[in-house]
Every structure is written in C-alpha cells, then in structure tokens.
PDB file of all heavy atoms in Angstrom:
ATOM      1  N   THR A   1       0.736  -1.178  -0.094  1.00  0.00           N
ATOM      2  CA  THR A   1       0.024   0.055  -0.007  1.00  0.00           C
ATOM      3  C   THR A   1       0.863   1.275  -0.001  1.00  0.00           C
ATOM      4  O   THR A   1       0.633   2.128  -0.761  1.00  0.00           O
ATOM      5  CB  THR A   1      -0.912  -0.030   1.230  1.00  0.00           C
ATOM      6  OG1 THR A   1      -1.734  -1.040   1.155  1.00  0.00           O
ATOM      7  CG2 THR A   1      -1.766   1.249   1.276  1.00  0.00           C
ATOM      8  N   ALA A   2       1.848   1.378   1.018  1.00  0.00           N
ATOM      9  CA  ALA A   2       2.668   2.591   0.981  1.00  0.00           C
ATOM     10  C   ALA A   2       3.438   2.960  -0.236  1.00  0.00           C
ATOM     11  O   ALA A   2       3.450   4.005  -0.734  1.00  0.00           O
ATOM     12  CB  ALA A   2       3.530   2.401   2.295  1.00  0.00           C
ATOM     13  N   THR A   3       4.101   1.841  -0.744  1.00  0.00           N
ATOM     14  CA  THR A   3       4.880   1.933  -1.944  1.00  0.00           C
ATOM     15  C   THR A   3       4.118   2.398  -3.123  1.00  0.00           C
ATOM     16  O   THR A   3       4.491   3.265  -3.955  1.00  0.00           O
ATOM     17  CB  THR A   3       5.640   0.698  -2.325  1.00  0.00           C
ATOM     18  OG1 THR A   3       6.474   0.277  -1.164  1.00  0.00           O
ATOM     19  CG2 THR A   3       6.531   0.860  -3.467  1.00  0.00           C
ATOM     20  N   VAL A   4       2.860   1.782  -3.356  1.00  0.00           N
ATOM     21  CA  VAL A   4       2.062   2.181  -4.393  1.00  0.00           C
ATOM     22  C   VAL A   4       1.616   3.652  -4.400  1.00  0.00           C
ATOM     23  O   VAL A   4       1.667   4.426  -5.262  1.00  0.00           O
ATOM     24  CB  VAL A   4       0.698   1.181  -4.459  1.00  0.00           C
ATOM     25  CG1 VAL A   4      -0.256   1.798  -5.383  1.00  0.00           C
ATOM     26  CG2 VAL A   4       1.125  -0.136  -4.907  1.00  0.00           C
ATOM     27  N   ALA A   5       1.166   4.018  -3.154  1.00  0.00           N
ATOM     28  CA  ALA A   5       0.678   5.481  -3.015  1.00  0.00           C
ATOM     29  C   ALA A   5       1.831   6.362  -3.234  1.00  0.00           C
ATOM     30  O   ALA A   5       1.700   7.444  -3.907  1.00  0.00           O
ATOM     31  CB  ALA A   5       0.176   5.569  -1.560  1.00  0.00           C
ATOM     32  N   GLN A   6       3.005   6.115  -2.779  1.00  0.00           N
ATOM     33  CA  GLN A   6       4.282   6.963  -2.977  1.00  0.00           C
ATOM     34  C   GLN A   6       4.603   7.072  -4.488  1.00  0.00           C
ATOM     35  O   GLN A   6       4.911   8.034  -4.945  1.00  0.00           O
ATOM     36  CB  GLN A   6       5.306   6.380  -2.191  1.00  0.00           C
ATOM     37  CG  GLN A   6       5.177   6.595  -0.556  1.00  0.00           C
ATOM     38  CD  GLN A   6       6.392   6.155   0.254  1.00  0.00           C
ATOM     39  OE1 GLN A   6       7.032   5.193  -0.205  1.00  0.00           O
ATOM     40  NE2 GLN A   6       6.489   6.801   1.322  1.00  0.00           N
ATOM     41  N   ASN A   7       4.632   5.946  -5.069  1.00  0.00           N
ATOM     42  CA  ASN A   7       4.972   5.870  -6.606  1.00  0.00           C
ATOM     43  C   ASN A   7       3.953   6.772  -7.370  1.00  0.00           C
ATOM     44  O   ASN A   7       4.356   7.427  -8.299  1.00  0.00           O
ATOM     45  CB  ASN A   7       5.180   4.482  -7.011  1.00  0.00           C
ATOM     46  CG  ASN A   7       6.341   3.743  -6.471  1.00  0.00           C
ATOM     47  OD1 ASN A   7       7.207   4.361  -6.007  1.00  0.00           O
ATOM     48  ND2 ASN A   7       6.358   2.447  -6.736  1.00  0.00           N
ATOM     49  N   VAL A   8       2.736   6.583  -7.060  1.00  0.00           N
ATOM     50  CA  VAL A   8       1.722   7.381  -7.765  1.00  0.00           C
ATOM     51  C   VAL A   8       1.915   8.872  -7.608  1.00  0.00           C
ATOM     52  O   VAL A   8       1.925   9.533  -8.670  1.00  0.00           O
ATOM     53  CB  VAL A   8       0.244   6.909  -7.319  1.00  0.00           C
ATOM     54  CG1 VAL A   8      -0.752   7.919  -7.947  1.00  0.00           C
ATOM     55  CG2 VAL A   8      -0.053   5.570  -7.832  1.00  0.00           C
ATOM     56  N   LEU A   9       2.118   9.181  -6.433  1.00  0.00           N
ATOM     57  CA  LEU A   9       2.365  10.631  -6.197  1.00  0.00           C
ATOM     58  C   LEU A   9       3.754  11.210  -6.717  1.00  0.00           C
ATOM     59  O   LEU A   9       3.690  12.247  -7.414  1.00  0.00           O
ATOM     60  CB  LEU A   9       2.314  10.934  -4.755  1.00  0.00           C
ATOM     61  CG  LEU A   9       2.342  12.477  -4.258  1.00  0.00           C
ATOM     62  CD1 LEU A   9       1.274  13.311  -4.962  1.00  0.00           C
ATOM     63  CD2 LEU A   9       2.308  12.649  -2.850  1.00  0.00           C
ATOM     64  N   LYS A  10       4.695  10.454  -6.626  1.00  0.00           N
ATOM     65  CA  LYS A  10       6.060  10.790  -7.338  1.00  0.00           C
ATOM     66  C   LYS A  10       5.888  10.953  -8.730  1.00  0.00           C
ATOM     67  O   LYS A  10       6.308  11.893  -9.351  1.00  0.00           O
ATOM     68  CB  LYS A  10       7.081   9.741  -6.865  1.00  0.00           C
ATOM     69  CG  LYS A  10       7.529   9.761  -5.485  1.00  0.00           C
ATOM     70  CD  LYS A  10       8.587   8.615  -5.229  1.00  0.00           C
ATOM     71  CE  LYS A  10       8.961   8.465  -3.764  1.00  0.00           C
ATOM     72  NZ  LYS A  10       9.886   7.429  -3.428  1.00  0.00           N
ATOM     73  N   GLY A  11       5.280   9.947  -9.384  1.00  0.00           N
ATOM     74  CA  GLY A  11       5.121  10.014 -10.801  1.00  0.00           C
ATOM     75  C   GLY A  11       4.321  11.311 -11.229  1.00  0.00           C
ATOM     76  O   GLY A  11       4.620  11.892 -12.230  1.00  0.00           O
ATOM     77  N   ALA A  12       3.259  11.525 -10.475  1.00  0.00           N
ATOM     78  CA  ALA A  12       2.320  12.674 -10.725  1.00  0.00           C
ATOM     79  C   ALA A  12       3.168  13.954 -10.653  1.00  0.00           C
ATOM     80  O   ALA A  12       3.111  14.818 -11.484  1.00  0.00           O
ATOM     81  CB  ALA A  12       1.201  12.621  -9.943  1.00  0.00           C
ATOM     82  N   MET A  13       3.842  14.170  -9.608  1.00  0.00           N
ATOM     83  CA  MET A  13       4.548  15.470  -9.391  1.00  0.00           C
ATOM     84  C   MET A  13       5.737  15.617 -10.208  1.00  0.00           C
ATOM     85  O   MET A  13       6.030  16.696 -10.598  1.00  0.00           O
ATOM     86  CB  MET A  13       4.936  15.425  -7.776  1.00  0.00           C
ATOM     87  CG  MET A  13       3.772  15.543  -6.849  1.00  0.00           C
ATOM     88  SD  MET A  13       2.516  16.758  -7.320  1.00  0.00           S
ATOM     89  CE  MET A  13       3.482  18.275  -7.611  1.00  0.00           C
ATOM     90  N   ASP A  14       6.440  14.499 -10.522  1.00  0.00           N
ATOM     91  CA  ASP A  14       7.618  14.725 -11.621  1.00  0.00           C
ATOM     92  C   ASP A  14       7.012  15.123 -12.864  1.00  0.00           C
ATOM     93  O   ASP A  14       7.654  16.017 -13.606  1.00  0.00           O
ATOM     94  CB  ASP A  14       8.400  13.338 -11.626  1.00  0.00           C
ATOM     95  CG  ASP A  14       9.244  13.162 -10.328  1.00  0.00           C
ATOM     96  OD1 ASP A  14       9.236  14.093  -9.508  1.00  0.00           O
ATOM     97  OD2 ASP A  14       9.778  12.146 -10.227  1.00  0.00           O
ATOM     98  N   ALA A  15       5.858  14.439 -13.312  1.00  0.00           N
ATOM     99  CA  ALA A  15       5.320  14.919 -14.494  1.00  0.00           C
ATOM    100  C   ALA A  15       4.876  16.343 -14.574  1.00  0.00           C
ATOM    101  O   ALA A  15       5.058  17.158 -15.351  1.00  0.00           O
ATOM    102  CB  ALA A  15       4.086  14.123 -14.797  1.00  0.00           C
ATOM    103  N   TYR A  16       4.269  16.822 -13.387  1.00  0.00           N
ATOM    104  CA  TYR A  16       3.818  18.125 -13.314  1.00  0.00           C
ATOM    105  C   TYR A  16       4.969  19.171 -13.316  1.00  0.00           C
ATOM    106  O   TYR A  16       4.891  20.172 -14.056  1.00  0.00           O
ATOM    107  CB  TYR A  16       3.196  18.400 -11.892  1.00  0.00           C
ATOM    108  CG  TYR A  16       2.641  19.706 -11.576  1.00  0.00           C
ATOM    109  CD1 TYR A  16       1.318  20.048 -12.299  1.00  0.00           C
ATOM    110  CD2 TYR A  16       3.309  20.688 -10.891  1.00  0.00           C
ATOM    111  CE1 TYR A  16       0.853  21.413 -12.087  1.00  0.00           C
ATOM    112  CE2 TYR A  16       2.756  21.945 -10.610  1.00  0.00           C
ATOM    113  CZ  TYR A  16       1.560  22.294 -11.316  1.00  0.00           C
ATOM    114  OH  TYR A  16       0.965  23.472 -11.105  1.00  0.00           O
ATOM    115  N   ARG A  17       6.108  18.828 -12.656  1.00  0.00           N
ATOM    116  CA  ARG A  17       7.294  19.745 -12.708  1.00  0.00           C
ATOM    117  C   ARG A  17       7.878  19.775 -14.156  1.00  0.00           C
ATOM    118  O   ARG A  17       8.403  20.853 -14.557  1.00  0.00           O
ATOM    119  CB  ARG A  17       8.203  19.258 -11.694  1.00  0.00           C
ATOM    120  CG  ARG A  17       7.763  19.572 -10.294  1.00  0.00           C
ATOM    121  CD  ARG A  17       8.929  19.157  -9.208  1.00  0.00           C
ATOM    122  NE  ARG A  17       8.490  19.768  -7.895  1.00  0.00           N
ATOM    123  CZ  ARG A  17       9.219  19.586  -6.883  1.00  0.00           C
ATOM    124  NH1 ARG A  17      10.417  18.864  -6.855  1.00  0.00           N
ATOM    125  NH2 ARG A  17       8.865  20.073  -5.695  1.00  0.00           N
ATOM    126  N   THR A  18       7.769  18.662 -14.929  1.00  0.00           N
ATOM    127  CA  THR A  18       8.276  18.723 -16.203  1.00  0.00           C
ATOM    128  C   THR A  18       7.487  19.672 -17.058  1.00  0.00           C
ATOM    129  O   THR A  18       7.911  20.473 -17.907  1.00  0.00           O
ATOM    130  CB  THR A  18       8.212  17.389 -16.906  1.00  0.00           C
ATOM    131  OG1 THR A  18       9.129  16.480 -16.217  1.00  0.00           O
ATOM    132  CG2 THR A  18       8.647  17.370 -18.358  1.00  0.00           C
ATOM    133  N   GLN A  19       6.075  19.611 -16.852  1.00  0.00           N
ATOM    134  CA  GLN A  19       5.235  20.522 -17.658  1.00  0.00           C
ATOM    135  C   GLN A  19       5.332  21.993 -17.191  1.00  0.00           C
ATOM    136  O   GLN A  19       5.313  22.841 -18.015  1.00  0.00           O
ATOM    137  CB  GLN A  19       3.779  20.027 -17.421  1.00  0.00           C
ATOM    138  CG  GLN A  19       3.452  18.649 -17.981  1.00  0.00           C
ATOM    139  CD  GLN A  19       3.918  18.423 -19.385  1.00  0.00           C
ATOM    140  OE1 GLN A  19       4.749  17.495 -19.566  1.00  0.00           O
ATOM    141  NE2 GLN A  19       3.474  19.192 -20.281  1.00  0.00           N
ATOM    142  N   VAL A  20       5.693  22.141 -15.905  1.00  0.00           N
ATOM    143  CA  VAL A  20       5.913  23.523 -15.524  1.00  0.00           C
ATOM    144  C   VAL A  20       7.262  24.124 -16.146  1.00  0.00           C
ATOM    145  O   VAL A  20       7.321  25.250 -16.676  1.00  0.00           O
ATOM    146  CB  VAL A  20       6.025  23.597 -13.957  1.00  0.00           C
ATOM    147  CG1 VAL A  20       6.720  24.878 -13.529  1.00  0.00           C
ATOM    148  CG2 VAL A  20       4.728  23.325 -13.260  1.00  0.00           C
ATOM    149  N   PHE A  21       8.224  23.194 -16.252  1.00  0.00           N
ATOM    150  CA  PHE A  21       9.447  23.475 -17.048  1.00  0.00           C
ATOM    151  C   PHE A  21       9.186  23.910 -18.460  1.00  0.00           C
ATOM    152  O   PHE A  21       9.708  24.943 -18.899  1.00  0.00           O
ATOM    153  CB  PHE A  21      10.513  22.397 -16.838  1.00  0.00           C
ATOM    154  CG  PHE A  21      11.701  22.592 -17.736  1.00  0.00           C
ATOM    155  CD1 PHE A  21      12.771  23.450 -17.345  1.00  0.00           C
ATOM    156  CD2 PHE A  21      11.786  21.990 -18.948  1.00  0.00           C
ATOM    157  CE1 PHE A  21      13.886  23.519 -18.083  1.00  0.00           C
ATOM    158  CE2 PHE A  21      12.920  22.179 -19.767  1.00  0.00           C
ATOM    159  CZ  PHE A  21      13.948  22.991 -19.390  1.00  0.00           C
ATOM    160  N   LEU A  22       8.375  23.154 -19.122  1.00  0.00           N
ATOM    161  CA  LEU A  22       7.990  23.515 -20.452  1.00  0.00           C
ATOM    162  C   LEU A  22       7.245  24.752 -20.606  1.00  0.00           C
ATOM    163  O   LEU A  22       7.462  25.551 -21.525  1.00  0.00           O
ATOM    164  CB  LEU A  22       7.259  22.284 -21.090  1.00  0.00           C
ATOM    165  CG  LEU A  22       8.110  21.024 -21.222  1.00  0.00           C
ATOM    166  CD1 LEU A  22       7.059  19.888 -21.685  1.00  0.00           C
ATOM    167  CD2 LEU A  22       9.110  21.197 -22.260  1.00  0.00           C
ATOM    168  N   GLN A  23       6.416  25.036 -19.640  1.00  0.00           N
ATOM    169  CA  GLN A  23       5.607  26.334 -19.780  1.00  0.00           C
ATOM    170  C   GLN A  23       6.520  27.468 -19.474  1.00  0.00           C
ATOM    171  O   GLN A  23       6.341  28.573 -20.202  1.00  0.00           O
ATOM    172  CB  GLN A  23       4.525  26.187 -18.619  1.00  0.00           C
ATOM    173  CG  GLN A  23       3.573  27.427 -18.557  1.00  0.00           C
ATOM    174  CD  GLN A  23       2.417  27.223 -17.747  1.00  0.00           C
ATOM    175  OE1 GLN A  23       1.420  26.584 -18.121  1.00  0.00           O
ATOM    176  NE2 GLN A  23       2.349  27.687 -16.557  1.00  0.00           N
ATOM    177  N   LYS A  24       7.426  27.392 -18.668  1.00  0.00           N
ATOM    178  CA  LYS A  24       8.324  28.502 -18.381  1.00  0.00           C
ATOM    179  C   LYS A  24       9.241  28.831 -19.664  1.00  0.00           C
ATOM    180  O   LYS A  24       9.707  29.867 -19.865  1.00  0.00           O
ATOM    181  CB  LYS A  24       9.357  28.184 -17.317  1.00  0.00           C
ATOM    182  CG  LYS A  24       8.640  28.255 -15.881  1.00  0.00           C
ATOM    183  CD  LYS A  24       9.548  27.986 -14.720  1.00  0.00           C
ATOM    184  CE  LYS A  24       8.858  28.061 -13.426  1.00  0.00           C
ATOM    185  NZ  LYS A  24       9.776  27.739 -12.329  1.00  0.00           N
ATOM    186  N   ASN A  25       9.386  27.746 -20.565  1.00  0.00           N
ATOM    187  CA  ASN A  25      10.090  27.933 -21.684  1.00  0.00           C
ATOM    188  C   ASN A  25       9.090  28.083 -22.955  1.00  0.00           C
ATOM    189  O   ASN A  25       9.619  27.923 -24.026  1.00  0.00           O
ATOM    190  CB  ASN A  25      11.050  26.688 -21.926  1.00  0.00           C
ATOM    191  CG  ASN A  25      12.251  26.703 -21.040  1.00  0.00           C
ATOM    192  OD1 ASN A  25      13.278  27.324 -21.367  1.00  0.00           O
ATOM    193  ND2 ASN A  25      12.153  26.152 -19.879  1.00  0.00           N
TER     194      ASN A  25
END
C-alpha cells in the first residue's frame, strides 16, 4: 500500500514539474 501510494504521487509530481518547466520555456 505505502509503496504504491508513494509511486503514484512521485510520478504525478515529477510529470507536473516537467510541464511547469516546459511552460516556463
């Protein structure tokens, strides 16, 4: 349970930060 929840959130937030980077550029 813990690993799954953490992996989902990590994947989501890393993807979000990538899109923020693209938006800034």
